[in-house]
C-alpha atoms as a PDB file:
ATOM      1  CA  MET A   1       0.000   0.000   0.000  1.00  0.00           C
ATOM      2  CA  VAL A   2       2.753   2.463   0.916  1.00  0.00           C
ATOM      3  CA  GLU A   3       4.643   1.605  -2.277  1.00  0.00           C
ATOM      4  CA  ASN A   4       1.629   2.520  -4.455  1.00  0.00           C
ATOM      5  CA  VAL A   5       1.299   5.884  -2.713  1.00  0.00           C
ATOM      6  CA  THR A   6       5.001   6.592  -3.241  1.00  0.00           C
ATOM      7  CA  THR A   7       5.016   5.596  -6.906  1.00  0.00           C
ATOM      8  CA  GLU A   8       1.863   7.646  -7.514  1.00  0.00           C
ATOM      9  CA  ARG A   9       3.536  10.650  -5.881  1.00  0.00           C
ATOM     10  CA  TRP A  10       6.524  10.306  -8.198  1.00  0.00           C
ATOM     11  CA  ARG A  11       4.317   9.907 -11.266  1.00  0.00           C
ATOM     12  CA  THR A  12       2.428  13.055 -10.308  1.00  0.00           C
ATOM     13  CA  GLN A  13       5.618  14.969  -9.579  1.00  0.00           C
ATOM     14  CA  PHE A  14       7.212  13.990 -12.908  1.00  0.00           C
ATOM     15  CA  LYS A  15       4.046  14.988 -14.784  1.00  0.00           C
ATOM     16  CA  LYS A  16       3.794  18.372 -13.040  1.00  0.00           C
ATOM     17  CA  THR A  17       7.476  19.068 -13.641  1.00  0.00           C
ATOM     18  CA  ALA A  18       7.187  18.221 -17.344  1.00  0.00           C
ATOM     19  CA  GLN A  19       4.097  20.439 -17.685  1.00  0.00           C
ATOM     20  CA  ARG A  20       5.798  23.334 -15.890  1.00  0.00           C
ATOM     21  CA  LEU A  21       8.928  23.087 -18.047  1.00  0.00           C
ATOM     22  CA  ALA A  22       6.889  22.786 -21.263  1.00  0.00           C
ATOM     23  CA  ASN A  23       4.825  25.846 -20.293  1.00  0.00           C
ATOM     24  CA  GLU A  24       8.014  27.821 -19.576  1.00  0.00           C
ATOM     25  CA  LEU A  25       9.414  26.781 -22.946  1.00  0.00           C
ATOM     26  CA  LEU A  26       6.146  27.738 -24.676  1.00  0.00           C
ATOM     27  CA  THR A  27       6.175  31.168 -23.051  1.00  0.00           C
ATOM     28  CA  GLU A  28       9.709  31.731 -24.282  1.00  0.00           C
ATOM     29  CA  ALA A  29       8.944  30.348 -27.762  1.00  0.00           C
ATOM     30  CA  LYS A  30       5.931  32.644 -28.120  1.00  0.00           C
ATOM     31  CA  THR A  31       8.224  35.675 -28.073  1.00  0.00           C
ATOM     32  CA  GLN A  32       8.778  34.808 -31.739  1.00  0.00           C
ATOM     33  CA  ASN A  33       6.606  36.405 -34.445  1.00  0.00           C
ATOM     34  CA  THR A  34       4.665  33.386 -35.702  1.00  0.00           C
ATOM     35  CA  TYR A  35       3.650  29.900 -34.595  1.00  0.00           C
ATOM     36  CA  GLY A  36       6.022  28.514 -37.222  1.00  0.00           C
ATOM     37  CA  GLU A  37       8.926  30.451 -35.733  1.00  0.00           C
ATOM     38  CA  ALA A  38       7.896  29.407 -32.220  1.00  0.00           C
ATOM     39  CA  THR A  39       7.846  25.752 -33.278  1.00  0.00           C
ATOM     40  CA  ALA A  40      11.266  26.146 -34.904  1.00  0.00           C
ATOM     41  CA  TYR A  41      12.559  27.708 -31.673  1.00  0.00           C
ATOM     42  CA  ILE A  42      11.376  24.691 -29.659  1.00  0.00           C
ATOM     43  CA  ARG A  43      13.023  22.359 -32.169  1.00  0.00           C
ATOM     44  CA  ARG A  44      16.310  24.271 -31.807  1.00  0.00           C
ATOM     45  CA  VAL A  45      16.094  23.861 -28.024  1.00  0.00           C
ATOM     46  CA  SER A  46      15.405  20.164 -28.558  1.00  0.00           C
ATOM     47  CA  GLN A  47      18.572  19.827 -30.647  1.00  0.00           C
ATOM     48  CA  GLN A  48      20.658  21.199 -27.775  1.00  0.00           C
ATOM     49  CA  ALA A  49      20.306  17.895 -25.919  1.00  0.00           C
ATOM     50  CA  TYR A  50      23.783  16.555 -26.298  1.00  0.00           C
ATOM     51  CA  GLY A  51      26.425  15.108 -24.066  1.00  0.00           C
ATOM     52  CA  ASP A  52      28.178  11.902 -23.221  1.00  0.00           C
ATOM     53  CA  ILE A  53      25.660   9.101 -23.766  1.00  0.00           C
ATOM     54  CA  THR A  54      27.536   7.016 -21.200  1.00  0.00           C
ATOM     55  CA  ASN A  55      27.126   9.714 -18.534  1.00  0.00           C
ATOM     56  CA  PRO A  56      23.896   8.957 -16.637  1.00  0.00           C
ATOM     57  CA  GLU A  57      23.164  12.632 -15.892  1.00  0.00           C
ATOM     58  CA  ASP A  58      23.645  13.648 -19.545  1.00  0.00           C
ATOM     59  CA  LYS A  59      21.464  10.754 -20.679  1.00  0.00           C
ATOM     60  CA  ALA A  60      18.714  11.720 -18.201  1.00  0.00           C
ATOM     61  CA  GLY A  61      18.947  15.359 -19.299  1.00  0.00           C
ATOM     62  CA  MET A  62      18.552  14.334 -22.938  1.00  0.00           C
ATOM     63  CA  ALA A  63      15.483  12.261 -22.070  1.00  0.00           C
ATOM     64  CA  VAL A  64      13.918  15.166 -20.154  1.00  0.00           C
ATOM     65  CA  ASN A  65      14.747  17.575 -22.992  1.00  0.00           C
ATOM     66  CA  ASP A  66      13.101  15.275 -25.522  1.00  0.00           C
ATOM     67  CA  ALA A  67       9.975  14.785 -23.411  1.00  0.00           C
ATOM     68  CA  VAL A  68       9.552  18.481 -22.558  1.00  0.00           C
ATOM     69  CA  CYS A  69      10.152  19.683 -26.121  1.00  0.00           C
ATOM     70  CA  SER A  70       7.743  17.073 -27.517  1.00  0.00           C
ATOM     71  CA  LEU A  71       5.087  18.186 -25.033  1.00  0.00           C
ATOM     72  CA  ALA A  72       5.670  21.861 -25.865  1.00  0.00           C
ATOM     73  CA  ILE A  73       5.353  21.202 -29.614  1.00  0.00           C
ATOM     74  CA  ARG A  74       2.160  19.231 -29.056  1.00  0.00           C
ATOM     75  CA  LYS A  75       0.713  22.093 -26.980  1.00  0.00           C
ATOM     76  CA  ILE A  76       1.617  24.735 -29.552  1.00  0.00           C
ATOM     77  CA  HIS A  77       0.111  22.641 -32.363  1.00  0.00           C
ATOM     78  CA  GLU A  78      -3.107  22.185 -30.356  1.00  0.00           C
ATOM     79  CA  GLU A  79      -3.304  25.937 -29.816  1.00  0.00           C
ATOM     80  CA  GLU A  80      -2.570  26.627 -33.467  1.00  0.00           C
ATOM     81  CA  ARG A  81      -5.273  24.188 -34.599  1.00  0.00           C
ATOM     82  CA  SER A  82      -7.872  25.996 -32.507  1.00  0.00           C
ATOM     83  CA  LEU A  83      -7.345  29.310 -34.323  1.00  0.00           C
ATOM     84  CA  PRO A  84     -10.179  30.459 -36.579  1.00  0.00           C
ATOM     85  CA  ILE A  85      -9.794  30.269 -40.323  1.00  0.00           C
ATOM     86  CA  ASN A  86      -9.306  33.680 -41.900  1.00  0.00           C
ATOM     87  CA  LYS A  87     -11.648  33.977 -44.840  1.00  0.00           C
ATOM     88  CA  GLU A  88     -10.962  36.407 -47.636  1.00  0.00           C
ATOM     89  CA  ASP A  89     -13.991  38.419 -48.740  1.00  0.00           C
END
């Protein structure tokens, strides 16, 4: 019983951390002029995940970078898809 509570706490903490980091990244990306530029900015941040693959901290950082950037891109695409269609008269 205690183990389930502990693992649930970690799952929740990881999820909240990923959401917070993705939201911070989105806020920074949205300083660009267009959604396309914001998406490109997030992809550039994603490409910065490099290091020694044998170093456990570098490897964990790369995994977090990938997860956060993927979440941020998904969020920006969802927002972009909800925009109204501009119709020419």
